[in-house]
Protein backbone atom coordinates (compact mmCIF):
# COMPACT_ATOMS: atom_id res chain seq x y z
CA MET A 1 4.03 12.70 135.14
CA GLU A 2 3.36 13.44 130.99
CA ASP A 3 2.00 10.55 129.20
CA ILE A 4 5.31 8.84 127.70
CA HIS A 5 5.14 8.35 123.65
CA TYR A 6 7.63 5.77 121.42
CA ASP A 7 7.59 5.47 118.21
CA PHE A 8 8.27 2.28 115.76
CA ILE A 9 8.23 0.50 112.73
CA ASP A 10 8.72 -2.38 113.81
CA LEU A 11 10.00 -4.71 116.35
CA ASP A 12 11.04 -7.76 114.73
CA SER A 13 15.08 -6.90 114.66
CA ASP A 14 17.15 -6.95 116.85
CA GLU A 15 17.95 -3.45 117.06
CA SER A 16 14.57 -2.59 117.02
CA PHE A 17 13.27 -5.10 120.12
CA GLU A 18 16.45 -3.33 121.80
CA LEU A 19 15.85 0.25 121.64
CA LEU A 20 12.44 -0.31 123.13
CA GLY A 21 13.36 -1.92 125.52
CA LYS A 22 16.38 0.14 126.16
CA SER A 23 13.76 3.34 126.20
CA PHE A 24 12.08 2.08 129.59
CA GLY A 25 15.34 1.00 131.72
CA GLY A 26 14.65 -2.78 130.41
CA ILE A 27 17.88 -5.49 131.57
CA VAL A 28 18.09 -7.56 128.50
CA ARG A 29 18.77 -11.76 129.45
CA ASN A 30 18.47 -14.47 126.45
CA LYS A 31 17.65 -11.37 124.66
CA SER A 32 14.59 -10.61 126.51
CA PHE A 33 13.84 -7.59 128.23
CA TYR A 34 12.80 -7.28 132.04
CA PHE A 35 11.72 -4.27 134.11
CA ASP A 36 11.69 -3.15 137.62
CA ASN A 37 11.40 0.71 137.03
CA ASN A 38 9.52 3.49 137.32
CA VAL A 39 7.89 2.70 134.28
CA ALA A 40 7.09 -0.15 133.70
CA LYS A 41 7.90 -4.10 136.16
CA GLY A 42 7.32 -6.90 134.45
CA GLU A 43 8.68 -8.84 130.96
CA ILE A 44 8.67 -9.13 127.02
CA ILE A 45 9.82 -11.92 125.64
CA ARG A 46 11.54 -12.52 122.32
CA ALA A 47 11.22 -15.57 119.93
CA ALA A 48 12.10 -16.05 116.22
CA PRO A 49 11.52 -19.89 115.97
CA ASN A 50 11.70 -18.68 112.08
CA GLU A 51 13.83 -16.76 109.90
CA GLY A 52 11.02 -14.63 109.83
CA LEU A 53 8.87 -15.55 111.79
CA TRP A 54 9.12 -13.42 115.51
CA ILE A 55 6.58 -13.71 118.26
CA ARG A 56 6.56 -11.27 121.58
CA LYS A 57 5.00 -12.20 125.04
CA TRP A 58 4.37 -9.11 127.24
CA LYS A 59 3.11 -9.60 130.02
CA LEU A 60 4.06 -6.25 132.36
CA THR A 61 2.50 -3.08 134.77
CA THR A 62 3.24 0.23 133.34
CA PHE A 63 3.01 3.56 136.13
CA GLN A 64 2.55 6.09 133.18
CA LYS A 65 0.40 6.11 130.50
CA ILE A 66 2.09 4.43 127.07
CA THR A 67 1.58 4.76 123.58
CA LEU A 68 3.30 2.91 121.68
CA HIS A 69 2.98 4.06 117.72
CA LYS A 70 3.08 2.23 114.99
CA LEU A 71 5.09 4.22 111.75
CA PRO A 72 4.06 2.40 108.34
CA ALA A 73 7.31 0.67 107.03
CA LEU A 74 9.44 2.16 105.29
CA ASN A 75 8.51 2.11 100.98
CA GLY A 76 10.35 -1.42 99.47
CA SER A 77 9.95 -3.57 102.33
CA GLU A 78 8.50 -7.04 102.10
CA GLU A 79 5.31 -6.62 103.15
CA LYS A 80 4.87 -8.48 107.00
CA PHE A 81 1.44 -9.53 109.04
CA ILE A 82 0.82 -8.93 112.63
CA LEU A 83 -1.56 -10.75 114.34
CA ILE A 84 -1.97 -9.93 118.39
CA TYR A 85 -3.52 -11.58 120.53
CA PHE A 86 -4.52 -8.93 124.32
CA LEU A 87 -5.72 -11.23 126.90
CA ASN A 88 -6.73 -8.16 128.51
CA PRO A 89 -8.65 -6.23 126.42
CA ALA A 90 -10.76 -4.42 128.82
CA ILE A 91 -7.64 -1.86 129.01
CA PHE A 92 -6.71 -0.88 125.42
CA PHE A 93 -7.49 1.89 123.66
CA LEU A 94 -6.77 1.15 119.66
CA ASN A 95 -6.89 4.57 116.84
CA SER A 96 -5.56 4.12 113.33
CA ASN A 97 -5.58 6.05 110.53
CA LEU A 98 -8.03 4.21 108.93
CA LYS A 99 -10.35 3.86 112.51
CA LYS A 100 -10.96 3.86 115.11
CA ILE A 101 -10.73 0.28 116.94
CA LYS A 102 -11.91 -0.79 120.02
CA VAL A 103 -10.69 -3.57 121.78
CA CYS A 104 -13.36 -5.83 124.06
CA GLY A 105 -13.87 -9.03 125.60
CA SER A 106 -15.78 -9.88 122.63
CA HIS A 107 -13.24 -8.50 120.20
CA ASN A 108 -9.52 -9.46 121.36
CA ASN A 109 -7.34 -10.69 118.31
CA ILE A 110 -6.40 -8.20 115.68
CA PHE A 111 -4.59 -8.25 112.50
CA LEU A 112 -3.51 -5.93 110.56
CA THR A 113 -0.12 -5.30 108.20
CA ASN A 114 3.51 -2.96 108.86
CA ASP A 115 1.87 -0.58 106.02
CA VAL A 116 -0.35 0.60 108.59
CA MET A 117 0.34 3.25 110.87
CA ILE A 118 -1.67 3.29 114.22
CA ASP A 119 -1.35 3.71 117.75
CA PHE A 120 -1.63 1.18 121.16
CA SER A 121 -1.90 3.36 124.25
CA VAL A 122 -1.70 1.45 127.41
CA MET A 123 -3.13 2.89 130.87
CA PRO A 124 -0.90 2.92 133.36
CA ARG A 125 -1.11 0.42 136.97
CA GLN A 126 -3.11 -2.19 134.49
CA PRO A 127 -1.56 -5.45 133.44
CA PHE A 128 -0.56 -5.16 129.48
CA TYR A 129 -1.18 -9.08 128.75
CA VAL A 130 -0.66 -9.53 125.03
CA LEU A 131 0.62 -11.67 122.15
CA ASP A 132 1.76 -10.80 119.04
CA ILE A 133 3.44 -13.21 116.38
CA ALA A 134 5.41 -11.19 113.42
CA PHE A 135 5.34 -13.30 110.06
CA THR A 136 6.82 -12.02 106.10
CA HIS A 137 4.51 -12.97 103.52
CA SER A 138 7.18 -15.33 102.02
CA TRP A 139 7.15 -17.35 105.34
CA LEU A 140 3.10 -17.41 104.99
CA LEU A 141 3.32 -18.66 101.29
CA GLU A 142 6.04 -20.95 102.19
CA GLN A 143 4.47 -22.62 105.15
CA PHE A 144 1.43 -23.99 102.62
CA SER A 145 3.69 -24.80 99.58
CA ASP A 146 2.63 -27.70 99.74
CA THR A 147 -1.66 -27.19 99.76
CA LYS A 148 -3.49 -27.34 97.25
CA PRO A 149 -3.40 -24.94 94.85
CA VAL A 150 -7.32 -24.10 95.28
CA PHE A 151 -6.42 -23.50 98.54
CA LYS A 152 -2.89 -21.26 97.77
CA ASN A 153 -5.57 -19.59 95.31
CA ILE A 154 -7.76 -18.22 97.43
CA LEU A 155 -5.04 -16.63 100.32
CA ASN A 156 -2.62 -15.47 97.75
CA GLN A 157 -6.14 -13.29 96.49
CA TYR A 158 -7.10 -12.41 100.16
CA VAL A 159 -3.64 -10.57 101.19
CA ASN A 160 -3.66 -9.23 98.35
CA LYS A 161 -7.10 -7.52 98.17
CA ASN A 162 -6.43 -6.45 101.83
CA ALA A 163 -3.42 -5.16 101.86
CA HIS A 164 -3.96 -2.86 103.92
CA ALA A 165 -6.63 -3.65 106.41
CA ILE A 166 -7.27 -4.50 109.91
CA PHE A 167 -9.54 -6.63 110.71
CA SER A 168 -10.98 -7.52 114.92
CA GLU A 169 -11.96 -10.93 115.98
CA SER A 170 -12.81 -13.08 119.49
CA CYS A 171 -11.06 -15.64 119.91
CA SER A 172 -12.37 -19.11 120.32
CA ALA A 173 -11.61 -21.91 123.28
CA ASP A 174 -9.31 -23.57 121.17
CA GLU A 175 -7.06 -20.57 120.33
CA TYR A 176 -7.10 -19.98 124.24
CA LYS A 177 -5.72 -23.08 124.73
CA THR A 178 -3.15 -22.98 122.24
CA LEU A 179 -2.10 -19.12 123.25
CA HIS A 180 -1.93 -20.85 126.58
CA GLU A 181 0.80 -23.58 125.22
CA LEU A 182 2.52 -20.58 123.79
CA GLU A 183 2.90 -18.99 126.28
CA ILE A 184 4.48 -21.62 128.58
CA ALA A 185 6.52 -23.00 125.94
CA ASP A 186 10.31 -23.30 126.10
CA SER A 187 11.63 -20.32 123.25
CA GLU A 188 13.93 -23.07 122.00
CA ASP A 189 11.36 -25.98 121.79
CA VAL A 190 11.47 -24.47 117.86
CA LEU A 191 8.92 -27.02 116.09
CA PHE A 192 6.54 -26.73 119.21
CA MET A 193 7.02 -23.28 118.81
CA ARG A 194 5.71 -22.94 115.14
CA SER A 195 3.07 -25.90 115.37
CA ARG A 196 1.53 -23.49 117.52
CA VAL A 197 2.21 -19.93 115.42
CA TYR A 198 0.51 -22.32 112.55
CA SER A 199 -2.45 -23.14 114.11
CA LEU A 200 -3.23 -20.19 115.32
CA ILE A 201 -2.60 -18.06 111.74
CA PHE A 202 -4.85 -21.02 110.61
CA SER A 203 -7.68 -20.51 112.51
CA PHE A 204 -7.70 -16.65 112.12
CA PHE A 205 -8.04 -17.68 107.91
CA SER A 206 -10.16 -19.53 108.55
CA LYS A 207 -12.55 -17.15 110.72
CA ILE A 208 -12.39 -14.14 108.23
CA ILE A 209 -12.46 -16.04 104.70
CA ASN A 210 -15.62 -16.43 103.62
CA ARG A 211 -17.31 -19.70 104.49
CA ASN A 212 -17.74 -21.42 101.50
CA GLN A 213 -14.11 -20.54 101.05
CA ALA A 214 -12.84 -21.74 105.04
CA GLN A 215 -14.89 -25.67 104.32
CA VAL A 216 -12.06 -25.83 101.34
CA ILE A 217 -9.22 -25.05 104.30
CA ASN A 218 -10.82 -27.01 106.04
CA GLY A 219 -10.52 -29.56 104.27
CA ASN A 220 -7.00 -29.22 103.18
CA PHE A 221 -5.91 -29.78 106.85
CA HIS A 222 -5.97 -32.20 109.84
CA TYR A 223 -4.21 -29.87 112.49
CA GLU A 224 -6.13 -32.23 115.68
CA GLN A 225 -5.39 -35.24 113.91
CA ILE A 226 -1.43 -34.40 113.76
CA MET A 227 -1.64 -33.24 117.28
CA GLU A 228 -3.00 -36.68 117.98
CA VAL A 229 0.33 -37.89 116.35
CA GLU A 230 2.63 -35.44 117.86
CA MET A 231 1.05 -37.34 121.04
CA MET A 232 2.02 -40.88 120.03
CA ILE A 233 5.30 -39.70 119.09
CA MET A 234 5.96 -38.26 122.60
CA GLU A 235 4.58 -41.62 124.21
CA ASN A 236 6.98 -43.93 122.52
CA SER A 237 10.01 -42.85 122.65
CA GLU A 238 11.77 -46.56 122.41
CA LYS A 239 10.26 -46.83 118.61
CA LEU A 240 8.75 -45.24 116.39
CA PRO A 241 5.44 -47.02 115.49
CA LYS A 242 4.58 -48.09 112.03
CA LEU A 243 3.17 -45.23 109.87
CA GLU A 244 0.29 -47.11 108.49
CA SER A 245 -0.71 -47.88 112.48
CA ILE A 246 -0.12 -43.98 113.34
CA ALA A 247 -2.08 -42.59 110.04
CA ARG A 248 -4.80 -45.51 110.72
CA LYS A 249 -5.19 -44.79 114.35
CA VAL A 250 -5.98 -40.99 113.09
CA ASN A 251 -8.05 -41.97 109.94
CA MET A 252 -5.35 -40.06 107.46
CA SER A 253 -4.09 -42.35 104.36
CA VAL A 254 -0.49 -42.75 104.63
CA SER A 255 0.49 -40.24 102.01
CA SER A 256 -1.55 -37.55 103.37
CA LEU A 257 -0.04 -37.98 107.12
CA LEU A 258 3.31 -37.87 106.15
CA ARG A 259 2.33 -34.07 103.39
CA GLN A 260 0.53 -32.68 106.59
CA PHE A 261 2.81 -33.54 109.73
CA LYS A 262 5.61 -31.91 107.38
CA LEU A 263 3.57 -28.55 106.13
CA ILE A 264 2.93 -28.04 110.31
CA TYR A 265 6.38 -28.90 111.65
CA GLY A 266 9.27 -28.60 109.00
CA LYS A 267 10.15 -31.95 109.15
CA SER A 268 9.58 -35.42 108.85
CA ILE A 269 8.32 -37.80 111.02
CA TYR A 270 11.00 -39.48 111.83
CA GLU A 271 13.19 -36.49 111.74
CA TYR A 272 10.80 -34.74 114.29
CA TYR A 273 10.74 -38.53 116.61
CA VAL A 274 14.88 -38.55 116.56
CA GLU A 275 14.66 -34.67 117.97
CA LYS A 276 12.87 -35.23 120.83
CA LYS A 277 14.04 -38.34 121.34
CA MET A 278 17.91 -37.02 121.80
CA GLU A 279 15.90 -33.51 123.57
CA VAL A 280 14.60 -35.93 126.45
CA ALA A 281 18.55 -37.51 126.41
CA LYS A 282 20.30 -34.54 126.47
CA LYS A 283 17.60 -33.12 129.47
CA MET A 284 17.76 -36.74 131.34
CA ILE A 285 21.62 -37.06 131.05
CA LEU A 286 22.06 -33.51 132.41
CA GLU A 287 19.59 -33.51 136.01
CA ASN A 288 19.18 -36.81 136.24
CA ASN A 289 23.17 -38.00 135.60
CA ILE A 290 22.20 -41.06 134.23
CA THR A 291 25.44 -42.96 132.32
CA VAL A 292 25.16 -42.48 128.17
CA LYS A 293 24.48 -46.22 127.99
CA GLU A 294 22.11 -46.14 130.66
CA MET A 295 20.18 -43.55 128.17
CA ALA A 296 21.00 -45.47 124.79
CA LYS A 297 19.40 -48.43 126.65
CA LYS A 298 16.66 -46.25 128.31
CA LEU A 299 15.66 -44.81 124.28
CA GLY A 300 15.78 -48.19 122.86
CA TYR A 301 19.39 -48.47 120.73
CA LYS A 302 21.04 -52.09 120.87
CA GLN A 303 24.21 -50.17 121.14
CA ALA A 304 25.69 -46.68 122.70
CA SER A 305 27.61 -46.02 119.41
CA ALA A 306 24.65 -45.75 117.63
CA PHE A 307 22.39 -43.12 120.10
CA ILE A 308 26.37 -41.42 119.91
CA GLU A 309 25.86 -40.95 116.37
CA SER A 310 22.47 -39.85 116.25
CA PHE A 311 23.07 -37.31 119.21
CA THR A 312 26.31 -35.72 117.98
CA LYS A 313 24.29 -36.03 114.36
CA ASN A 314 21.73 -33.64 116.43
CA PHE A 315 23.60 -31.23 118.89
CA GLY A 316 27.01 -31.14 117.16
CA TYR A 317 28.56 -32.87 119.76
CA SER A 318 29.10 -35.66 121.53
CA PRO A 319 26.61 -37.03 124.88
CA GLY A 320 30.19 -36.73 126.70
CA ASN A 321 30.89 -33.34 126.11
CA LEU A 322 26.98 -32.50 126.97
CA LYS A 323 28.11 -31.19 130.12
CA THR A 324 30.95 -29.04 128.81
CA TYR A 325 28.86 -27.13 126.65
CA ASN A 326 25.96 -26.37 128.69
CA LYS A 327 27.64 -24.88 131.42
């Protein structure tokens, strides 16, 4: 069999992603592709948690050598960044117009811009296990919009200085844990996925910016504390603890807690809390046949009408119409 070569500029739009999947005989389900033919067997699962952010989970075995040839972005296109995690790196061969890149066990995390031309070669009958995250320059800056000016200046200078760079780094144990969480995450749980992507991007920039500057980054972010806050919210579905109590438990001021939480999740603590409560309610009503009145009581509502109002505001339909909208 002849080797397969596939040229592309990016895979972020629906059209470009569908063209890739169909070229290898994939079957589309929920905007993801599934393969079971003489070219490949497995899946490429795609999610877009935010405008300007894309995630792809590649879990394939190919039966022919495939080279994915990424072309430089077209002139005038918005600058994008691609963060790639090779989770079985021994089988990958990368070659760019700038340099050859050896992807090995200790350096399996690649960062590049969409201006770079690069080939990804996959050997046949080997598992192709990759998670890649693509995001626009504007999305990246928006995520750090509430940080202190000193960090934003470092980020801007670094990004502008390394517009055509390719970097390879090793994954830490914490990053592997985050990757696993992201891999098994429900694609519809946008807030969860966004928070884990944020953690990975933050970790990567912390590694490639020099140590003095990295200290500035670490002084501006409290990711671990915010993850503790998320756990407190999930464990207290009936009533949200007071902000002062939450802040005290994670050793933060209330103002810093509110700012950091919104930075990571894009929502206030209360908005996140209500959204999670409604997701729990939706799942339990569908799977356990709990009545609306029982669900309202279980979630701490004194009146079912208040629960119905929150549910309808969150999903756009009432809990009484839930099964109609989820057939």
